[in-house]
Amino acid sequence: MRKKLILLVVVMAFINNGCSIEDDDANFHFTALEIVDAELPESFDYNQTYEILVNYIKPDSCTNYEGFDVVKDSLTVRNVVAIGSVRTDTDNCTVESIEQTASFNFKVIYTDPYTFKFYTGNNSEGEAQYLEVVVPVNKP
């Protein structure tokens, strides 16, 4: 029993000390990438999984695509943001707005139509803008 307790204390010490990241040491930050368009089917079938293709803009050579943040806003409304990481430890970034494509899998678990709100950037007042796509669900 005592060996297990000592092992637990050692493991917890590594977890607490080994995973800390100092804010001053970070050489990147996350940013939302502008989505240009998305490819969705005309309708979904209940309980099926679909690959959603998304075209987004990579604004410069210091920004890398990291994935999607898909947030459930209500029962069948999903806010979708493409996430990028921007290197902050270099000044050699070339501005080269390149359109790229990535995808995520989406499982249909409700029979109501789904509304996807894809982040397309901010307007001149700094308000977020979205491309909205509604996809009906075929009744089982």
C-alpha atoms as a PDB file:
ATOM      1  CA  MET A   1       0.000   0.000   0.000  1.00  0.00           C
ATOM      2  CA  ARG A   2       2.830   2.394   0.892  1.00  0.00           C
ATOM      3  CA  LYS A   3       4.576   1.748  -2.468  1.00  0.00           C
ATOM      4  CA  LYS A   4       1.374   2.683  -4.313  1.00  0.00           C
ATOM      5  CA  LEU A   5       1.090   5.905  -2.300  1.00  0.00           C
ATOM      6  CA  ILE A   6       4.712   6.847  -3.020  1.00  0.00           C
ATOM      7  CA  LEU A   7       4.241   6.068  -6.723  1.00  0.00           C
ATOM      8  CA  LEU A   8       1.101   8.216  -6.793  1.00  0.00           C
ATOM      9  CA  VAL A   9       2.935  11.136  -5.158  1.00  0.00           C
ATOM     10  CA  VAL A  10       5.812  10.856  -7.674  1.00  0.00           C
ATOM     11  CA  VAL A  11       3.426  10.719 -10.640  1.00  0.00           C
ATOM     12  CA  MET A  12       1.481  13.741  -9.363  1.00  0.00           C
ATOM     13  CA  ALA A  13       4.725  15.679  -8.913  1.00  0.00           C
ATOM     14  CA  PHE A  14       5.681  15.001 -12.543  1.00  0.00           C
ATOM     15  CA  ILE A  15       2.236  16.025 -13.759  1.00  0.00           C
ATOM     16  CA  ASN A  16       2.229  19.248 -11.767  1.00  0.00           C
ATOM     17  CA  ASN A  17       5.776  20.263 -12.677  1.00  0.00           C
ATOM     18  CA  GLY A  18       6.314  18.689 -16.075  1.00  0.00           C
ATOM     19  CA  CYS A  19       3.341  20.217 -17.884  1.00  0.00           C
ATOM     20  CA  SER A  20       3.571  23.856 -16.933  1.00  0.00           C
ATOM     21  CA  ILE A  21       4.012  26.298 -19.788  1.00  0.00           C
ATOM     22  CA  GLU A  22       5.145  29.798 -19.050  1.00  0.00           C
ATOM     23  CA  ASP A  23       3.321  32.478 -21.036  1.00  0.00           C
ATOM     24  CA  ASP A  24       6.632  34.247 -21.694  1.00  0.00           C
ATOM     25  CA  ASP A  25       8.042  31.151 -23.405  1.00  0.00           C
ATOM     26  CA  ALA A  26       5.235  30.756 -25.945  1.00  0.00           C
ATOM     27  CA  ASN A  27       6.385  31.361 -29.498  1.00  0.00           C
ATOM     28  CA  PHE A  28       2.892  31.237 -31.016  1.00  0.00           C
ATOM     29  CA  HIS A  29      -0.732  32.179 -30.444  1.00  0.00           C
ATOM     30  CA  PHE A  30      -3.984  30.779 -31.790  1.00  0.00           C
ATOM     31  CA  THR A  31      -6.179  32.672 -34.239  1.00  0.00           C
ATOM     32  CA  ALA A  32      -9.416  32.121 -36.146  1.00  0.00           C
ATOM     33  CA  LEU A  33      -8.934  31.600 -39.876  1.00  0.00           C
ATOM     34  CA  GLU A  34     -11.442  32.947 -42.384  1.00  0.00           C
ATOM     35  CA  ILE A  35     -13.629  30.272 -43.956  1.00  0.00           C
ATOM     36  CA  VAL A  36     -14.397  30.823 -47.649  1.00  0.00           C
ATOM     37  CA  ASP A  37     -16.952  28.063 -48.199  1.00  0.00           C
ATOM     38  CA  ALA A  38     -17.956  24.575 -47.157  1.00  0.00           C
ATOM     39  CA  GLU A  39     -19.136  21.443 -48.928  1.00  0.00           C
ATOM     40  CA  LEU A  40     -22.123  19.773 -47.289  1.00  0.00           C
ATOM     41  CA  PRO A  41     -24.645  17.295 -48.676  1.00  0.00           C
ATOM     42  CA  GLU A  42     -28.115  18.471 -49.706  1.00  0.00           C
ATOM     43  CA  SER A  43     -29.529  16.398 -46.835  1.00  0.00           C
ATOM     44  CA  PHE A  44     -28.379  14.138 -44.014  1.00  0.00           C
ATOM     45  CA  ASP A  45     -29.553  10.657 -43.095  1.00  0.00           C
ATOM     46  CA  TYR A  46     -30.210  10.153 -39.390  1.00  0.00           C
ATOM     47  CA  ASN A  47     -27.439   8.342 -37.462  1.00  0.00           C
ATOM     48  CA  GLN A  48     -24.914   8.631 -40.312  1.00  0.00           C
ATOM     49  CA  THR A  49     -21.478  10.281 -40.280  1.00  0.00           C
ATOM     50  CA  TYR A  50     -20.455  12.761 -42.978  1.00  0.00           C
ATOM     51  CA  GLU A  51     -17.159  14.328 -43.963  1.00  0.00           C
ATOM     52  CA  ILE A  52     -17.570  18.111 -44.157  1.00  0.00           C
ATOM     53  CA  LEU A  53     -15.042  19.810 -46.466  1.00  0.00           C
ATOM     54  CA  VAL A  54     -14.128  23.396 -45.587  1.00  0.00           C
ATOM     55  CA  ASN A  55     -12.068  25.910 -47.573  1.00  0.00           C
ATOM     56  CA  TYR A  56     -10.243  28.496 -45.469  1.00  0.00           C
ATOM     57  CA  ILE A  57      -7.615  31.195 -45.980  1.00  0.00           C
ATOM     58  CA  LYS A  58      -4.089  30.809 -44.623  1.00  0.00           C
ATOM     59  CA  PRO A  59      -3.009  34.488 -44.484  1.00  0.00           C
ATOM     60  CA  ASP A  60       0.784  34.137 -44.305  1.00  0.00           C
ATOM     61  CA  SER A  61       3.728  31.766 -44.028  1.00  0.00           C
ATOM     62  CA  CYS A  62       3.803  32.029 -40.212  1.00  0.00           C
ATOM     63  CA  THR A  63       0.249  30.705 -39.792  1.00  0.00           C
ATOM     64  CA  ASN A  64      -0.467  26.977 -39.719  1.00  0.00           C
ATOM     65  CA  TYR A  65      -3.816  25.195 -39.728  1.00  0.00           C
ATOM     66  CA  GLU A  66      -4.459  23.341 -36.448  1.00  0.00           C
ATOM     67  CA  GLY A  67      -8.035  22.039 -36.728  1.00  0.00           C
ATOM     68  CA  PHE A  68     -11.662  23.009 -36.275  1.00  0.00           C
ATOM     69  CA  ASP A  69     -13.551  24.216 -33.254  1.00  0.00           C
ATOM     70  CA  VAL A  70     -17.140  22.978 -33.693  1.00  0.00           C
ATOM     71  CA  VAL A  71     -19.346  24.330 -30.919  1.00  0.00           C
ATOM     72  CA  LYS A  72     -22.939  23.311 -30.250  1.00  0.00           C
ATOM     73  CA  ASP A  73     -24.894  26.601 -30.045  1.00  0.00           C
ATOM     74  CA  SER A  74     -28.292  24.935 -29.618  1.00  0.00           C
ATOM     75  CA  LEU A  75     -29.797  21.525 -30.326  1.00  0.00           C
ATOM     76  CA  THR A  76     -28.985  21.526 -34.055  1.00  0.00           C
ATOM     77  CA  VAL A  77     -26.946  24.716 -34.544  1.00  0.00           C
ATOM     78  CA  ARG A  78     -23.170  24.361 -34.857  1.00  0.00           C
ATOM     79  CA  ASN A  79     -20.660  27.222 -34.960  1.00  0.00           C
ATOM     80  CA  VAL A  80     -17.576  26.204 -36.922  1.00  0.00           C
ATOM     81  CA  VAL A  81     -14.226  28.018 -36.725  1.00  0.00           C
ATOM     82  CA  ALA A  82     -10.997  27.008 -38.454  1.00  0.00           C
ATOM     83  CA  ILE A  83      -8.157  27.421 -35.960  1.00  0.00           C
ATOM     84  CA  GLY A  84      -4.624  28.428 -36.869  1.00  0.00           C
ATOM     85  CA  SER A  85      -1.454  28.935 -34.882  1.00  0.00           C
ATOM     86  CA  VAL A  86       0.689  31.997 -35.626  1.00  0.00           C
ATOM     87  CA  ARG A  87       4.429  31.945 -34.920  1.00  0.00           C
ATOM     88  CA  THR A  88       5.566  34.991 -32.987  1.00  0.00           C
ATOM     89  CA  ASP A  89       9.300  34.247 -32.892  1.00  0.00           C
ATOM     90  CA  THR A  90      10.059  35.309 -36.471  1.00  0.00           C
ATOM     91  CA  ASP A  91       9.725  38.426 -38.604  1.00  0.00           C
ATOM     92  CA  ASN A  92      10.167  36.593 -41.907  1.00  0.00           C
ATOM     93  CA  CYS A  93       6.478  35.976 -42.595  1.00  0.00           C
ATOM     94  CA  THR A  94       5.435  36.393 -46.182  1.00  0.00           C
ATOM     95  CA  VAL A  95       1.867  37.530 -46.812  1.00  0.00           C
ATOM     96  CA  GLU A  96       0.432  34.952 -49.186  1.00  0.00           C
ATOM     97  CA  SER A  97      -3.307  34.435 -48.766  1.00  0.00           C
ATOM     98  CA  ILE A  98      -3.562  30.804 -49.784  1.00  0.00           C
ATOM     99  CA  GLU A  99      -6.875  28.953 -49.889  1.00  0.00           C
ATOM    100  CA  GLN A 100      -6.619  25.487 -48.389  1.00  0.00           C
ATOM    101  CA  THR A 101      -9.064  22.673 -47.675  1.00  0.00           C
ATOM    102  CA  ALA A 102      -9.528  20.590 -44.549  1.00  0.00           C
ATOM    103  CA  SER A 103     -12.351  18.423 -43.251  1.00  0.00           C
ATOM    104  CA  PHE A 104     -14.053  17.172 -40.132  1.00  0.00           C
ATOM    105  CA  ASN A 105     -16.475  14.324 -39.518  1.00  0.00           C
ATOM    106  CA  PHE A 106     -19.985  15.078 -38.350  1.00  0.00           C
ATOM    107  CA  LYS A 107     -22.465  12.533 -36.955  1.00  0.00           C
ATOM    108  CA  VAL A 108     -26.179  13.228 -37.326  1.00  0.00           C
ATOM    109  CA  ILE A 109     -27.878  12.477 -33.991  1.00  0.00           C
ATOM    110  CA  TYR A 110     -31.094  14.539 -34.304  1.00  0.00           C
ATOM    111  CA  THR A 111     -33.894  14.500 -36.868  1.00  0.00           C
ATOM    112  CA  ASP A 112     -34.324  18.306 -36.981  1.00  0.00           C
ATOM    113  CA  PRO A 113     -32.499  20.280 -39.706  1.00  0.00           C
ATOM    114  CA  TYR A 114     -28.931  21.296 -38.808  1.00  0.00           C
ATOM    115  CA  THR A 115     -27.679  24.872 -39.180  1.00  0.00           C
ATOM    116  CA  PHE A 116     -23.935  25.319 -39.617  1.00  0.00           C
ATOM    117  CA  LYS A 117     -22.498  28.790 -39.024  1.00  0.00           C
ATOM    118  CA  PHE A 118     -19.006  28.977 -40.548  1.00  0.00           C
ATOM    119  CA  TYR A 119     -16.865  31.894 -39.334  1.00  0.00           C
ATOM    120  CA  THR A 120     -15.878  34.066 -42.332  1.00  0.00           C
ATOM    121  CA  GLY A 121     -14.111  36.889 -40.493  1.00  0.00           C
ATOM    122  CA  ASN A 122     -15.049  40.190 -38.885  1.00  0.00           C
ATOM    123  CA  ASN A 123     -16.818  43.089 -40.572  1.00  0.00           C
ATOM    124  CA  SER A 124     -15.580  46.704 -40.458  1.00  0.00           C
ATOM    125  CA  GLU A 125     -17.165  47.157 -37.000  1.00  0.00           C
ATOM    126  CA  GLY A 126     -15.272  44.126 -35.664  1.00  0.00           C
ATOM    127  CA  GLU A 127     -18.362  41.893 -35.491  1.00  0.00           C
ATOM    128  CA  ALA A 128     -18.049  38.232 -36.422  1.00  0.00           C
ATOM    129  CA  GLN A 129     -19.637  37.231 -39.734  1.00  0.00           C
ATOM    130  CA  TYR A 130     -20.839  33.740 -40.651  1.00  0.00           C
ATOM    131  CA  LEU A 131     -21.747  31.696 -43.701  1.00  0.00           C
ATOM    132  CA  GLU A 132     -24.925  29.842 -42.705  1.00  0.00           C
ATOM    133  CA  VAL A 133     -25.857  26.522 -44.276  1.00  0.00           C
ATOM    134  CA  VAL A 134     -29.010  24.600 -43.333  1.00  0.00           C
ATOM    135  CA  VAL A 135     -29.079  20.870 -44.017  1.00  0.00           C
ATOM    136  CA  PRO A 136     -32.372  18.972 -43.585  1.00  0.00           C
ATOM    137  CA  VAL A 137     -32.389  15.487 -42.098  1.00  0.00           C
ATOM    138  CA  ASN A 138     -34.223  12.672 -43.869  1.00  0.00           C
ATOM    139  CA  LYS A 139     -36.727  11.004 -41.572  1.00  0.00           C
ATOM    140  CA  PRO A 140     -35.750   7.434 -40.617  1.00  0.00           C
END
